[in-house]
Amino acid sequence: MQGHNIGVLEDGGRFTLQWLKPDGSSTPLKLASALAITQRKQGIREIYFTKYGLDVVDASGTLFRPCPVSRAGNIVTATIPDTTLLSTKAGQALMDFWKAVLKHLSIRLADISLYDLEDEEVKN
């Protein structure tokens, strides 16, 4: 999934990630980022999984993120920050997918206290 091209719809910046699980089942995860809407018909967008959440970038690697500092005064570290994954329509499934991708990529989470501390998968 790292660097996978995604199709971002002009209507609200919606896109879908498809999670193919080890058991063969598939789960569609619907997300949106209005900032990632392409300005050109052939605009390319890619998804990257980081310890801070999900980033959407264009063909030249430009990140699509809201302003550098949130209204609450926090530094914005991803297009879709880890702290908002559960509040998306995909909710827990998206959180589980994100953790699975990070584990596969050997990326450690930035702040384990944000997550279920009994999740051994994340601790390792």
PDB file of N, CA and C in Angstrom:
ATOM      1  N   MET A   1       0.807  -1.207   0.000  1.00  0.00           N
ATOM      2  CA  MET A   1       0.000   0.000   0.000  1.00  0.00           C
ATOM      3  C   MET A   1       0.846   1.265   0.000  1.00  0.00           C
ATOM      4  N   GLN A   2       2.052   1.198   0.521  1.00  0.00           N
ATOM      5  CA  GLN A   2       2.884   2.396   0.602  1.00  0.00           C
ATOM      6  C   GLN A   2       3.151   2.930  -0.807  1.00  0.00           C
ATOM      7  N   GLY A   3       2.755   4.183  -1.067  1.00  0.00           N
ATOM      8  CA  GLY A   3       2.975   4.795  -2.367  1.00  0.00           C
ATOM      9  C   GLY A   3       1.971   4.383  -3.422  1.00  0.00           C
ATOM     10  N   HIS A   4       0.888   3.738  -3.011  1.00  0.00           N
ATOM     11  CA  HIS A   4      -0.139   3.270  -3.941  1.00  0.00           C
ATOM     12  C   HIS A   4      -0.920   4.455  -4.499  1.00  0.00           C
ATOM     13  N   ASN A   5      -1.146   4.460  -5.819  1.00  0.00           N
ATOM     14  CA  ASN A   5      -1.955   5.518  -6.424  1.00  0.00           C
ATOM     15  C   ASN A   5      -3.400   5.392  -5.963  1.00  0.00           C
ATOM     16  N   ILE A   6      -4.020   6.532  -5.700  1.00  0.00           N
ATOM     17  CA  ILE A   6      -5.423   6.544  -5.318  1.00  0.00           C
ATOM     18  C   ILE A   6      -6.169   7.507  -6.227  1.00  0.00           C
ATOM     19  N   GLY A   7      -7.411   7.224  -6.477  1.00  0.00           N
ATOM     20  CA  GLY A   7      -8.268   8.119  -7.240  1.00  0.00           C
ATOM     21  C   GLY A   7      -9.069   8.976  -6.278  1.00  0.00           C
ATOM     22  N   VAL A   8      -8.838  10.274  -6.327  1.00  0.00           N
ATOM     23  CA  VAL A   8      -9.530  11.205  -5.430  1.00  0.00           C
ATOM     24  C   VAL A   8     -10.636  11.896  -6.216  1.00  0.00           C
ATOM     25  N   LEU A   9     -11.870  11.734  -5.767  1.00  0.00           N
ATOM     26  CA  LEU A   9     -13.014  12.326  -6.453  1.00  0.00           C
ATOM     27  C   LEU A   9     -13.092  13.830  -6.198  1.00  0.00           C
ATOM     28  N   GLU A  10     -13.557  14.555  -7.208  1.00  0.00           N
ATOM     29  CA  GLU A  10     -13.703  16.003  -7.068  1.00  0.00           C
ATOM     30  C   GLU A  10     -14.764  16.364  -6.028  1.00  0.00           C
ATOM     31  N   ASP A  11     -15.711  15.479  -5.828  1.00  0.00           N
ATOM     32  CA  ASP A  11     -16.799  15.703  -4.884  1.00  0.00           C
ATOM     33  C   ASP A  11     -16.326  15.414  -3.457  1.00  0.00           C
ATOM     34  N   GLY A  12     -15.733  16.394  -2.807  1.00  0.00           N
ATOM     35  CA  GLY A  12     -15.321  16.258  -1.407  1.00  0.00           C
ATOM     36  C   GLY A  12     -13.989  15.563  -1.181  1.00  0.00           C
ATOM     37  N   GLY A  13     -13.285  15.182  -2.243  1.00  0.00           N
ATOM     38  CA  GLY A  13     -11.986  14.540  -2.074  1.00  0.00           C
ATOM     39  C   GLY A  13     -12.080  13.110  -1.576  1.00  0.00           C
ATOM     40  N   ARG A  14     -13.197  12.443  -1.881  1.00  0.00           N
ATOM     41  CA  ARG A  14     -13.391  11.075  -1.407  1.00  0.00           C
ATOM     42  C   ARG A  14     -12.503  10.094  -2.160  1.00  0.00           C
ATOM     43  N   PHE A  15     -12.019   9.069  -1.428  1.00  0.00           N
ATOM     44  CA  PHE A  15     -11.284   7.968  -2.038  1.00  0.00           C
ATOM     45  C   PHE A  15     -11.477   6.725  -1.178  1.00  0.00           C
ATOM     46  N   THR A  16     -11.220   5.568  -1.770  1.00  0.00           N
ATOM     47  CA  THR A  16     -11.422   4.299  -1.071  1.00  0.00           C
ATOM     48  C   THR A  16     -10.145   3.481  -1.105  1.00  0.00           C
ATOM     49  N   LEU A  17      -9.757   2.966   0.049  1.00  0.00           N
ATOM     50  CA  LEU A  17      -8.651   2.010   0.146  1.00  0.00           C
ATOM     51  C   LEU A  17      -9.275   0.630   0.320  1.00  0.00           C
ATOM     52  N   GLN A  18      -8.710  -0.367  -0.310  1.00  0.00           N
ATOM     53  CA  GLN A  18      -9.223  -1.725  -0.206  1.00  0.00           C
ATOM     54  C   GLN A  18      -8.226  -2.542   0.607  1.00  0.00           C
ATOM     55  N   TRP A  19      -8.658  -3.050   1.748  1.00  0.00           N
ATOM     56  CA  TRP A  19      -7.798  -3.842   2.626  1.00  0.00           C
ATOM     57  C   TRP A  19      -8.044  -5.316   2.357  1.00  0.00           C
ATOM     58  N   LEU A  20      -7.054  -5.973   1.750  1.00  0.00           N
ATOM     59  CA  LEU A  20      -7.120  -7.411   1.528  1.00  0.00           C
ATOM     60  C   LEU A  20      -6.443  -8.081   2.715  1.00  0.00           C
ATOM     61  N   LYS A  21      -7.235  -8.731   3.539  1.00  0.00           N
ATOM     62  CA  LYS A  21      -6.739  -9.325   4.778  1.00  0.00           C
ATOM     63  C   LYS A  21      -6.093 -10.692   4.511  1.00  0.00           C
ATOM     64  N   PRO A  22      -5.229 -11.137   5.430  1.00  0.00           N
ATOM     65  CA  PRO A  22      -4.556 -12.433   5.261  1.00  0.00           C
ATOM     66  C   PRO A  22      -5.523 -13.612   5.078  1.00  0.00           C
ATOM     67  N   ASP A  23      -6.738 -13.499   5.607  1.00  0.00           N
ATOM     68  CA  ASP A  23      -7.705 -14.602   5.474  1.00  0.00           C
ATOM     69  C   ASP A  23      -8.422 -14.581   4.121  1.00  0.00           C
ATOM     70  N   GLY A  24      -8.060 -13.615   3.253  1.00  0.00           N
ATOM     71  CA  GLY A  24      -8.653 -13.530   1.922  1.00  0.00           C
ATOM     72  C   GLY A  24      -9.853 -12.600   1.832  1.00  0.00           C
ATOM     73  N   SER A  25     -10.370 -12.149   2.960  1.00  0.00           N
ATOM     74  CA  SER A  25     -11.503 -11.222   2.930  1.00  0.00           C
ATOM     75  C   SER A  25     -11.011  -9.823   2.560  1.00  0.00           C
ATOM     76  N   SER A  26     -11.936  -9.001   2.124  1.00  0.00           N
ATOM     77  CA  SER A  26     -11.594  -7.653   1.683  1.00  0.00           C
ATOM     78  C   SER A  26     -12.512  -6.643   2.366  1.00  0.00           C
ATOM     79  N   THR A  27     -11.942  -5.526   2.796  1.00  0.00           N
ATOM     80  CA  THR A  27     -12.711  -4.474   3.458  1.00  0.00           C
ATOM     81  C   THR A  27     -12.450  -3.142   2.772  1.00  0.00           C
ATOM     82  N   PRO A  28     -13.491  -2.494   2.226  1.00  0.00           N
ATOM     83  CA  PRO A  28     -13.307  -1.154   1.659  1.00  0.00           C
ATOM     84  C   PRO A  28     -13.293  -0.113   2.773  1.00  0.00           C
ATOM     85  N   LEU A  29     -12.355   0.808   2.701  1.00  0.00           N
ATOM     86  CA  LEU A  29     -12.228   1.865   3.702  1.00  0.00           C
ATOM     87  C   LEU A  29     -12.399   3.201   2.992  1.00  0.00           C
ATOM     88  N   LYS A  30     -13.505   3.877   3.270  1.00  0.00           N
ATOM     89  CA  LYS A  30     -13.821   5.139   2.596  1.00  0.00           C
ATOM     90  C   LYS A  30     -13.298   6.311   3.410  1.00  0.00           C
ATOM     91  N   LEU A  31     -12.534   7.179   2.735  1.00  0.00           N
ATOM     92  CA  LEU A  31     -11.925   8.344   3.367  1.00  0.00           C
ATOM     93  C   LEU A  31     -12.157   9.571   2.508  1.00  0.00           C
ATOM     94  N   ALA A  32     -11.761  10.725   3.023  1.00  0.00           N
ATOM     95  CA  ALA A  32     -11.868  11.951   2.241  1.00  0.00           C
ATOM     96  C   ALA A  32     -10.827  12.958   2.698  1.00  0.00           C
ATOM     97  N   SER A  33     -10.315  13.697   1.724  1.00  0.00           N
ATOM     98  CA  SER A  33      -9.437  14.824   2.000  1.00  0.00           C
ATOM     99  C   SER A  33      -9.630  15.838   0.889  1.00  0.00           C
ATOM    100  N   ALA A  34     -10.400  16.861   1.182  1.00  0.00           N
ATOM    101  CA  ALA A  34     -10.682  17.889   0.173  1.00  0.00           C
ATOM    102  C   ALA A  34      -9.396  18.541  -0.321  1.00  0.00           C
ATOM    103  N   LEU A  35      -8.366  18.577   0.504  1.00  0.00           N
ATOM    104  CA  LEU A  35      -7.089  19.167   0.101  1.00  0.00           C
ATOM    105  C   LEU A  35      -6.420  18.386  -1.021  1.00  0.00           C
ATOM    106  N   ALA A  36      -6.755  17.101  -1.155  1.00  0.00           N
ATOM    107  CA  ALA A  36      -6.100  16.240  -2.140  1.00  0.00           C
ATOM    108  C   ALA A  36      -6.807  16.216  -3.494  1.00  0.00           C
ATOM    109  N   ILE A  37      -7.878  16.987  -3.657  1.00  0.00           N
ATOM    110  CA  ILE A  37      -8.578  17.018  -4.943  1.00  0.00           C
ATOM    111  C   ILE A  37      -7.620  17.519  -6.014  1.00  0.00           C
ATOM    112  N   THR A  38      -7.547  16.777  -7.125  1.00  0.00           N
ATOM    113  CA  THR A  38      -6.626  17.158  -8.199  1.00  0.00           C
ATOM    114  C   THR A  38      -7.144  18.383  -8.942  1.00  0.00           C
ATOM    115  N   GLN A  39      -6.236  19.250  -9.309  1.00  0.00           N
ATOM    116  CA  GLN A  39      -6.594  20.447 -10.062  1.00  0.00           C
ATOM    117  C   GLN A  39      -6.554  20.175 -11.568  1.00  0.00           C
ATOM    118  N   ARG A  40      -5.809  19.125 -11.952  1.00  0.00           N
ATOM    119  CA  ARG A  40      -5.711  18.718 -13.358  1.00  0.00           C
ATOM    120  C   ARG A  40      -6.379  17.366 -13.521  1.00  0.00           C
ATOM    121  N   LYS A  41      -6.935  17.147 -14.696  1.00  0.00           N
ATOM    122  CA  LYS A  41      -7.663  15.902 -14.945  1.00  0.00           C
ATOM    123  C   LYS A  41      -6.793  14.672 -14.716  1.00  0.00           C
ATOM    124  N   GLN A  42      -5.526  14.745 -15.045  1.00  0.00           N
ATOM    125  CA  GLN A  42      -4.618  13.611 -14.913  1.00  0.00           C
ATOM    126  C   GLN A  42      -3.766  13.678 -13.642  1.00  0.00           C
ATOM    127  N   GLY A  43      -4.175  14.478 -12.677  1.00  0.00           N
ATOM    128  CA  GLY A  43      -3.409  14.611 -11.439  1.00  0.00           C
ATOM    129  C   GLY A  43      -3.276  13.282 -10.712  1.00  0.00           C
ATOM    130  N   ILE A  44      -2.094  13.002 -10.209  1.00  0.00           N
ATOM    131  CA  ILE A  44      -1.812  11.744  -9.513  1.00  0.00           C
ATOM    132  C   ILE A  44      -1.747  11.996  -8.015  1.00  0.00           C
ATOM    133  N   ARG A  45      -2.344  11.088  -7.253  1.00  0.00           N
ATOM    134  CA  ARG A  45      -2.274  11.131  -5.798  1.00  0.00           C
ATOM    135  C   ARG A  45      -1.825   9.762  -5.301  1.00  0.00           C
ATOM    136  N   GLU A  46      -1.002   9.765  -4.278  1.00  0.00           N
ATOM    137  CA  GLU A  46      -0.517   8.531  -3.670  1.00  0.00           C
ATOM    138  C   GLU A  46      -0.776   8.588  -2.171  1.00  0.00           C
ATOM    139  N   ILE A  47      -0.907   7.402  -1.566  1.00  0.00           N
ATOM    140  CA  ILE A  47      -1.140   7.307  -0.120  1.00  0.00           C
ATOM    141  C   ILE A  47       0.114   6.764   0.555  1.00  0.00           C
ATOM    142  N   TYR A  48       0.463   7.348   1.681  1.00  0.00           N
ATOM    143  CA  TYR A  48       1.601   6.877   2.480  1.00  0.00           C
ATOM    144  C   TYR A  48       1.155   6.705   3.924  1.00  0.00           C
ATOM    145  N   PHE A  49       1.588   5.614   4.503  1.00  0.00           N
ATOM    146  CA  PHE A  49       1.289   5.310   5.901  1.00  0.00           C
ATOM    147  C   PHE A  49       2.494   5.712   6.733  1.00  0.00           C
ATOM    148  N   THR A  50       2.278   6.558   7.726  1.00  0.00           N
ATOM    149  CA  THR A  50       3.366   6.992   8.598  1.00  0.00           C
ATOM    150  C   THR A  50       2.954   6.749  10.044  1.00  0.00           C
ATOM    151  N   LYS A  51       3.884   6.903  10.946  1.00  0.00           N
ATOM    152  CA  LYS A  51       3.550   6.721  12.360  1.00  0.00           C
ATOM    153  C   LYS A  51       2.628   7.822  12.870  1.00  0.00           C
ATOM    154  N   TYR A  52       2.407   8.851  12.056  1.00  0.00           N
ATOM    155  CA  TYR A  52       1.536   9.952  12.452  1.00  0.00           C
ATOM    156  C   TYR A  52       0.154   9.886  11.809  1.00  0.00           C
ATOM    157  N   GLY A  53      -0.063   8.921  10.909  1.00  0.00           N
ATOM    158  CA  GLY A  53      -1.349   8.788  10.230  1.00  0.00           C
ATOM    159  C   GLY A  53      -1.160   8.474   8.760  1.00  0.00           C
ATOM    160  N   LEU A  54      -2.050   9.012   7.934  1.00  0.00           N
ATOM    161  CA  LEU A  54      -1.999   8.799   6.489  1.00  0.00           C
ATOM    162  C   LEU A  54      -1.662  10.107   5.795  1.00  0.00           C
ATOM    163  N   ASP A  55      -0.755  10.046   4.842  1.00  0.00           N
ATOM    164  CA  ASP A  55      -0.424  11.216   4.040  1.00  0.00           C
ATOM    165  C   ASP A  55      -0.820  10.971   2.601  1.00  0.00           C
ATOM    166  N   VAL A  56      -1.369  11.996   1.972  1.00  0.00           N
ATOM    167  CA  VAL A  56      -1.658  11.985   0.546  1.00  0.00           C
ATOM    168  C   VAL A  56      -0.671  12.953  -0.089  1.00  0.00           C
ATOM    169  N   VAL A  57      -0.032  12.506  -1.180  1.00  0.00           N
ATOM    170  CA  VAL A  57       0.950  13.337  -1.878  1.00  0.00           C
ATOM    171  C   VAL A  57       0.638  13.342  -3.370  1.00  0.00           C
ATOM    172  N   ASP A  58       1.185  14.339  -4.080  1.00  0.00           N
ATOM    173  CA  ASP A  58       1.034  14.359  -5.535  1.00  0.00           C
ATOM    174  C   ASP A  58       2.246  13.687  -6.178  1.00  0.00           C
ATOM    175  N   ALA A  59       2.331  13.717  -7.494  1.00  0.00           N
ATOM    176  CA  ALA A  59       3.391  13.026  -8.226  1.00  0.00           C
ATOM    177  C   ALA A  59       4.782  13.542  -7.869  1.00  0.00           C
ATOM    178  N   SER A  60       4.890  14.790  -7.448  1.00  0.00           N
ATOM    179  CA  SER A  60       6.195  15.340  -7.083  1.00  0.00           C
ATOM    180  C   SER A  60       6.505  15.184  -5.595  1.00  0.00           C
ATOM    181  N   GLY A  61       5.602  14.554  -4.848  1.00  0.00           N
ATOM    182  CA  GLY A  61       5.833  14.325  -3.422  1.00  0.00           C
ATOM    183  C   GLY A  61       5.317  15.418  -2.511  1.00  0.00           C
ATOM    184  N   THR A  62       4.604  16.397  -3.075  1.00  0.00           N
ATOM    185  CA  THR A  62       4.047  17.473  -2.262  1.00  0.00           C
ATOM    186  C   THR A  62       2.940  16.918  -1.366  1.00  0.00           C
ATOM    187  N   LEU A  63       3.062  17.177  -0.083  1.00  0.00           N
ATOM    188  CA  LEU A  63       2.081  16.709   0.896  1.00  0.00           C
ATOM    189  C   LEU A  63       0.830  17.568   0.864  1.00  0.00           C
ATOM    190  N   PHE A  64      -0.324  16.927   1.051  1.00  0.00           N
ATOM    191  CA  PHE A  64      -1.585  17.647   1.185  1.00  0.00           C
ATOM    192  C   PHE A  64      -1.992  17.591   2.647  1.00  0.00           C
ATOM    193  N   ARG A  65      -1.786  18.685   3.307  1.00  0.00           N
ATOM    194  CA  ARG A  65      -2.136  18.800   4.723  1.00  0.00           C
ATOM    195  C   ARG A  65      -2.806  20.142   4.951  1.00  0.00           C
ATOM    196  N   PRO A  66      -3.663  20.173   5.971  1.00  0.00           N
ATOM    197  CA  PRO A  66      -4.228  21.481   6.322  1.00  0.00           C
ATOM    198  C   PRO A  66      -3.107  22.383   6.841  1.00  0.00           C
ATOM    199  N   CYS A  67      -3.427  23.532   7.317  1.00  0.00           N
ATOM    200  CA  CYS A  67      -2.415  24.459   7.823  1.00  0.00           C
ATOM    201  C   CYS A  67      -1.447  23.741   8.771  1.00  0.00           C
ATOM    202  N   PRO A  68      -0.213  24.226   8.899  1.00  0.00           N
ATOM    203  CA  PRO A  68       0.794  23.542   9.717  1.00  0.00           C
ATOM    204  C   PRO A  68       0.434  23.404  11.190  1.00  0.00           C
ATOM    205  N   VAL A  69      -0.449  24.273  11.665  1.00  0.00           N
ATOM    206  CA  VAL A  69      -0.855  24.218  13.079  1.00  0.00           C
ATOM    207  C   VAL A  69      -2.379  24.181  13.141  1.00  0.00           C
ATOM    208  N   SER A  70      -2.926  23.254  13.910  1.00  0.00           N
ATOM    209  CA  SER A  70      -4.384  23.134  14.033  1.00  0.00           C
ATOM    210  C   SER A  70      -4.954  24.280  14.864  1.00  0.00           C
ATOM    211  N   ARG A  71      -6.267  24.370  14.870  1.00  0.00           N
ATOM    212  CA  ARG A  71      -6.934  25.405  15.682  1.00  0.00           C
ATOM    213  C   ARG A  71      -6.629  25.243  17.163  1.00  0.00           C
ATOM    214  N   ALA A  72      -6.375  24.003  17.567  1.00  0.00           N
ATOM    215  CA  ALA A  72      -6.050  23.728  18.977  1.00  0.00           C
ATOM    216  C   ALA A  72      -4.584  24.027  19.293  1.00  0.00           C
ATOM    217  N   GLY A  73      -3.821  24.415  18.270  1.00  0.00           N
ATOM    218  CA  GLY A  73      -2.420  24.750  18.493  1.00  0.00           C
ATOM    219  C   GLY A  73      -1.462  23.579  18.318  1.00  0.00           C
ATOM    220  N   ASN A  74      -1.968  22.438  17.840  1.00  0.00           N
ATOM    221  CA  ASN A  74      -1.114  21.268  17.614  1.00  0.00           C
ATOM    222  C   ASN A  74      -0.512  21.313  16.220  1.00  0.00           C
ATOM    223  N   ILE A  75       0.691  20.791  16.094  1.00  0.00           N
ATOM    224  CA  ILE A  75       1.330  20.706  14.783  1.00  0.00           C
ATOM    225  C   ILE A  75       0.650  19.596  13.991  1.00  0.00           C
ATOM    226  N   VAL A  76       0.264  19.883  12.750  1.00  0.00           N
ATOM    227  CA  VAL A  76      -0.393  18.902  11.886  1.00  0.00           C
ATOM    228  C   VAL A  76       0.687  18.030  11.258  1.00  0.00           C
ATOM    229  N   THR A  77       0.634  16.727  11.518  1.00  0.00           N
ATOM    230  CA  THR A  77       1.707  15.818  11.103  1.00  0.00           C
ATOM    231  C   THR A  77       1.305  14.865   9.992  1.00  0.00           C
ATOM    232  N   ALA A  78       0.053  14.917   9.514  1.00  0.00           N
ATOM    233  CA  ALA A  78      -0.395  14.030   8.445  1.00  0.00           C
ATOM    234  C   ALA A  78      -1.653  14.591   7.791  1.00  0.00           C
ATOM    235  N   THR A  79      -1.914  14.154   6.558  1.00  0.00           N
ATOM    236  CA  THR A  79      -3.143  14.557   5.871  1.00  0.00           C
ATOM    237  C   THR A  79      -4.353  14.106   6.688  1.00  0.00           C
ATOM    238  N   ILE A  80      -4.319  12.843   7.116  1.00  0.00           N
ATOM    239  CA  ILE A  80      -5.345  12.299   8.007  1.00  0.00           C
ATOM    240  C   ILE A  80      -4.597  11.822   9.250  1.00  0.00           C
ATOM    241  N   PRO A  81      -4.526  12.659  10.298  1.00  0.00           N
ATOM    242  CA  PRO A  81      -3.739  12.324  11.487  1.00  0.00           C
ATOM    243  C   PRO A  81      -4.255  11.082  12.217  1.00  0.00           C
ATOM    244  N   ASP A  82      -3.333  10.384  12.872  1.00  0.00           N
ATOM    245  CA  ASP A  82      -3.679   9.176  13.628  1.00  0.00           C
ATOM    246  C   ASP A  82      -4.765   9.440  14.658  1.00  0.00           C
ATOM    247  N   THR A  83      -4.773  10.623  15.229  1.00  0.00           N
ATOM    248  CA  THR A  83      -5.754  10.945  16.269  1.00  0.00           C
ATOM    249  C   THR A  83      -7.172  11.075  15.720  1.00  0.00           C
ATOM    250  N   THR A  84      -7.317  11.142  14.389  1.00  0.00           N
ATOM    251  CA  THR A  84      -8.654  11.262  13.798  1.00  0.00           C
ATOM    252  C   THR A  84      -9.104   9.991  13.081  1.00  0.00           C
ATOM    253  N   LEU A  85      -8.278   8.962  13.028  1.00  0.00           N
ATOM    254  CA  LEU A  85      -8.632   7.752  12.291  1.00  0.00           C
ATOM    255  C   LEU A  85      -9.937   7.129  12.786  1.00  0.00           C
ATOM    256  N   LEU A  86     -10.111   7.067  14.090  1.00  0.00           N
ATOM    257  CA  LEU A  86     -11.320   6.459  14.639  1.00  0.00           C
ATOM    258  C   LEU A  86     -12.576   7.279  14.356  1.00  0.00           C
ATOM    259  N   SER A  87     -12.417   8.575  14.100  1.00  0.00           N
ATOM    260  CA  SER A  87     -13.585   9.420  13.864  1.00  0.00           C
ATOM    261  C   SER A  87     -14.034   9.414  12.398  1.00  0.00           C
ATOM    262  N   THR A  88     -13.312   8.703  11.522  1.00  0.00           N
ATOM    263  CA  THR A  88     -13.726   8.590  10.126  1.00  0.00           C
ATOM    264  C   THR A  88     -14.842   7.556  10.012  1.00  0.00           C
ATOM    265  N   LYS A  89     -15.496   7.513   8.850  1.00  0.00           N
ATOM    266  CA  LYS A  89     -16.537   6.506   8.633  1.00  0.00           C
ATOM    267  C   LYS A  89     -15.971   5.096   8.755  1.00  0.00           C
ATOM    268  N   ALA A  90     -14.721   4.915   8.344  1.00  0.00           N
ATOM    269  CA  ALA A  90     -14.081   3.593   8.390  1.00  0.00           C
ATOM    270  C   ALA A  90     -13.742   3.189   9.828  1.00  0.00           C
ATOM    271  N   GLY A  91     -13.587   4.161  10.724  1.00  0.00           N
ATOM    272  CA  GLY A  91     -13.384   3.940  12.151  1.00  0.00           C
ATOM    273  C   GLY A  91     -12.376   2.889  12.547  1.00  0.00           C
ATOM    274  N   GLN A  92     -12.806   1.908  13.326  1.00  0.00           N
ATOM    275  CA  GLN A  92     -11.911   0.892  13.879  1.00  0.00           C
ATOM    276  C   GLN A  92     -11.235   0.073  12.784  1.00  0.00           C
ATOM    277  N   ALA A  93     -11.943  -0.196  11.683  1.00  0.00           N
ATOM    278  CA  ALA A  93     -11.336  -0.961  10.583  1.00  0.00           C
ATOM    279  C   ALA A  93     -10.140  -0.207  10.011  1.00  0.00           C
ATOM    280  N   LEU A  94     -10.261   1.115   9.873  1.00  0.00           N
ATOM    281  CA  LEU A  94      -9.148   1.926   9.376  1.00  0.00           C
ATOM    282  C   LEU A  94      -7.990   1.905  10.360  1.00  0.00           C
ATOM    283  N   MET A  95      -8.293   2.020  11.643  1.00  0.00           N
ATOM    284  CA  MET A  95      -7.242   1.976  12.669  1.00  0.00           C
ATOM    285  C   MET A  95      -6.508   0.629  12.605  1.00  0.00           C
ATOM    286  N   ASP A  96      -7.244  -0.463  12.492  1.00  0.00           N
ATOM    287  CA  ASP A  96      -6.641  -1.794  12.415  1.00  0.00           C
ATOM    288  C   ASP A  96      -5.779  -1.937  11.160  1.00  0.00           C
ATOM    289  N   PHE A  97      -6.271  -1.419  10.033  1.00  0.00           N
ATOM    290  CA  PHE A  97      -5.529  -1.470   8.769  1.00  0.00           C
ATOM    291  C   PHE A  97      -4.231  -0.676   8.894  1.00  0.00           C
ATOM    292  N   TRP A  98      -4.325   0.526   9.445  1.00  0.00           N
ATOM    293  CA  TRP A  98      -3.155   1.389   9.618  1.00  0.00           C
ATOM    294  C   TRP A  98      -2.102   0.691  10.474  1.00  0.00           C
ATOM    295  N   LYS A  99      -2.539   0.089  11.588  1.00  0.00           N
ATOM    296  CA  LYS A  99      -1.606  -0.633  12.466  1.00  0.00           C
ATOM    297  C   LYS A  99      -0.966  -1.811  11.737  1.00  0.00           C
ATOM    298  N   ALA A 100      -1.757  -2.533  10.934  1.00  0.00           N
ATOM    299  CA  ALA A 100      -1.239  -3.691  10.199  1.00  0.00           C
ATOM    300  C   ALA A 100      -0.186  -3.266   9.176  1.00  0.00           C
ATOM    301  N   VAL A 101      -0.442  -2.160   8.481  1.00  0.00           N
ATOM    302  CA  VAL A 101       0.532  -1.661   7.500  1.00  0.00           C
ATOM    303  C   VAL A 101       1.800  -1.206   8.206  1.00  0.00           C
ATOM    304  N   LEU A 102       1.672  -0.473   9.301  1.00  0.00           N
ATOM    305  CA  LEU A 102       2.857  -0.027  10.042  1.00  0.00           C
ATOM    306  C   LEU A 102       3.674  -1.212  10.529  1.00  0.00           C
ATOM    307  N   LYS A 103       2.992  -2.228  11.028  1.00  0.00           N
ATOM    308  CA  LYS A 103       3.704  -3.420  11.504  1.00  0.00           C
ATOM    309  C   LYS A 103       4.457  -4.069  10.348  1.00  0.00           C
ATOM    310  N   HIS A 104       3.803  -4.203   9.203  1.00  0.00           N
ATOM    311  CA  HIS A 104       4.423  -4.797   8.019  1.00  0.00           C
ATOM    312  C   HIS A 104       5.654  -4.002   7.575  1.00  0.00           C
ATOM    313  N   LEU A 105       5.586  -2.686   7.704  1.00  0.00           N
ATOM    314  CA  LEU A 105       6.688  -1.807   7.299  1.00  0.00           C
ATOM    315  C   LEU A 105       7.716  -1.591   8.402  1.00  0.00           C
ATOM    316  N   SER A 106       7.499  -2.218   9.560  1.00  0.00           N
ATOM    317  CA  SER A 106       8.375  -2.061  10.730  1.00  0.00           C
ATOM    318  C   SER A 106       8.469  -0.616  11.186  1.00  0.00           C
ATOM    319  N   ILE A 107       7.348   0.089  11.142  1.00  0.00           N
ATOM    320  CA  ILE A 107       7.280   1.471  11.614  1.00  0.00           C
ATOM    321  C   ILE A 107       6.651   1.457  12.996  1.00  0.00           C
ATOM    322  N   ARG A 108       7.337   2.052  13.962  1.00  0.00           N
ATOM    323  CA  ARG A 108       6.817   2.111  15.337  1.00  0.00           C
ATOM    324  C   ARG A 108       5.920   3.328  15.485  1.00  0.00           C
ATOM    325  N   LEU A 109       4.898   3.175  16.308  1.00  0.00           N
ATOM    326  CA  LEU A 109       3.994   4.294  16.550  1.00  0.00           C
ATOM    327  C   LEU A 109       4.671   5.374  17.378  1.00  0.00           C
ATOM    328  N   ALA A 110       4.315   6.624  17.113  1.00  0.00           N
ATOM    329  CA  ALA A 110       4.928   7.773  17.779  1.00  0.00           C
ATOM    330  C   ALA A 110       4.577   7.842  19.258  1.00  0.00           C
ATOM    331  N   ASP A 111       3.327   7.601  19.586  1.00  0.00           N
ATOM    332  CA  ASP A 111       2.883   7.764  20.965  1.00  0.00           C
ATOM    333  C   ASP A 111       1.905   6.658  21.325  1.00  0.00           C
ATOM    334  N   ILE A 112       2.407   5.618  21.917  1.00  0.00           N
ATOM    335  CA  ILE A 112       1.603   4.444  22.238  1.00  0.00           C
ATOM    336  C   ILE A 112       0.445   4.779  23.166  1.00  0.00           C
ATOM    337  N   SER A 113       0.536   5.854  23.915  1.00  0.00           N
ATOM    338  CA  SER A 113      -0.525   6.191  24.856  1.00  0.00           C
ATOM    339  C   SER A 113      -1.821   6.577  24.143  1.00  0.00           C
ATOM    340  N   LEU A 114      -1.776   6.864  22.862  1.00  0.00           N
ATOM    341  CA  LEU A 114      -2.974   7.211  22.118  1.00  0.00           C
ATOM    342  C   LEU A 114      -3.828   5.998  21.803  1.00  0.00           C
ATOM    343  N   TYR A 115      -3.262   4.820  21.971  1.00  0.00           N
ATOM    344  CA  TYR A 115      -3.905   3.606  21.516  1.00  0.00           C
ATOM    345  C   TYR A 115      -4.134   2.634  22.647  1.00  0.00           C
ATOM    346  N   ASP A 116      -4.783   1.557  22.320  1.00  0.00           N
ATOM    347  CA  ASP A 116      -5.074   0.502  23.279  1.00  0.00           C
ATOM    348  C   ASP A 116      -3.762  -0.089  23.792  1.00  0.00           C
ATOM    349  N   LEU A 117      -3.433   0.155  25.034  1.00  0.00           N
ATOM    350  CA  LEU A 117      -2.156  -0.294  25.588  1.00  0.00           C
ATOM    351  C   LEU A 117      -2.066  -1.805  25.724  1.00  0.00           C
ATOM    352  N   GLU A 118      -3.184  -2.501  25.570  1.00  0.00           N
ATOM    353  CA  GLU A 118      -3.133  -3.960  25.648  1.00  0.00           C
ATOM    354  C   GLU A 118      -2.919  -4.583  24.278  1.00  0.00           C
ATOM    355  N   ASP A 119      -2.782  -3.775  23.248  1.00  0.00           N
ATOM    356  CA  ASP A 119      -2.578  -4.276  21.895  1.00  0.00           C
ATOM    357  C   ASP A 119      -1.111  -4.645  21.717  1.00  0.00           C
ATOM    358  N   GLU A 120      -0.774  -5.896  21.886  1.00  0.00           N
ATOM    359  CA  GLU A 120       0.612  -6.362  21.814  1.00  0.00           C
ATOM    360  C   GLU A 120       1.230  -6.096  20.446  1.00  0.00           C
ATOM    361  N   GLU A 121       0.406  -6.117  19.421  1.00  0.00           N
ATOM    362  CA  GLU A 121       0.871  -5.889  18.066  1.00  0.00           C
ATOM    363  C   GLU A 121       1.561  -4.521  17.956  1.00  0.00           C
ATOM    364  N   VAL A 122       1.014  -3.523  18.619  1.00  0.00           N
ATOM    365  CA  VAL A 122       1.536  -2.175  18.545  1.00  0.00           C
ATOM    366  C   VAL A 122       2.756  -2.000  19.462  1.00  0.00           C
ATOM    367  N   LYS A 123       2.785  -2.692  20.582  1.00  0.00           N
ATOM    368  CA  LYS A 123       3.889  -2.545  21.519  1.00  0.00           C
ATOM    369  C   LYS A 123       5.197  -3.034  20.914  1.00  0.00           C
ATOM    370  N   ASN A 124       5.141  -4.057  20.088  1.00  0.00           N
ATOM    371  CA  ASN A 124       6.373  -4.671  19.542  1.00  0.00           C
ATOM    372  C   ASN A 124       6.938  -3.887  18.397  1.00  0.00           C
TER     373      ASN A 124
END
